[in-house]
Amino acid sequence: MRAFVLALIAAFVVALGASYVLSRFQEPASVAFSTSGVRLSDVN
């Protein structure tokens, strides 16, 4: 039982770390896949 609880805590910590890393480095597709010559509008 103790190993299971430690595994849950470890999974939670890893998930929080991954969430933080992804939120810091992720950018919208309009920024990531556009060049200087493209015109993108903000029309939804």
Protein backbone atom coordinates (compact mmCIF):
# COMPACT_ATOMS: atom_id res chain seq x y z
CA MET A 1 0.00 0.00 0.00
CA ARG A 2 2.84 2.38 0.81
CA ALA A 3 4.43 1.81 -2.61
CA PHE A 4 1.11 2.59 -4.30
CA VAL A 5 0.71 5.88 -2.43
CA LEU A 6 4.30 6.86 -3.26
CA ALA A 7 3.66 6.02 -6.92
CA LEU A 8 0.56 8.23 -6.92
CA ILE A 9 2.50 11.10 -5.39
CA ALA A 10 5.32 10.65 -7.90
CA ALA A 11 2.86 10.59 -10.82
CA PHE A 12 1.23 13.78 -9.52
CA VAL A 13 4.59 15.55 -9.20
CA VAL A 14 5.63 14.48 -12.69
CA ALA A 15 2.30 15.65 -14.13
CA LEU A 16 2.67 19.05 -12.45
CA GLY A 17 6.21 19.41 -13.75
CA ALA A 18 5.18 18.47 -17.29
CA SER A 19 2.29 20.90 -17.18
CA TYR A 20 4.59 23.71 -16.10
CA VAL A 21 7.20 22.94 -18.76
CA LEU A 22 4.63 22.69 -21.54
CA SER A 23 2.92 25.93 -20.56
CA ARG A 24 6.25 27.78 -20.58
CA PHE A 25 7.39 26.62 -24.04
CA GLN A 26 4.16 26.12 -25.95
CA GLU A 27 3.16 28.75 -28.50
CA PRO A 28 0.11 29.06 -30.76
CA ALA A 29 0.24 27.44 -34.20
CA SER A 30 -0.20 30.85 -35.82
CA VAL A 31 3.13 31.88 -34.30
CA ALA A 32 4.97 28.57 -34.58
CA PHE A 33 4.19 27.85 -38.25
CA SER A 34 4.19 31.30 -39.82
CA THR A 35 6.93 33.11 -41.67
CA SER A 36 7.59 36.82 -41.92
CA GLY A 37 5.59 37.08 -45.19
CA VAL A 38 2.32 35.58 -43.98
CA ARG A 39 -0.70 37.65 -42.91
CA LEU A 40 -2.95 36.05 -40.33
CA SER A 41 -6.15 37.63 -39.10
CA ASP A 42 -7.76 37.05 -35.72
CA VAL A 43 -11.15 36.12 -37.21
CA ASN A 44 -12.78 33.18 -35.43
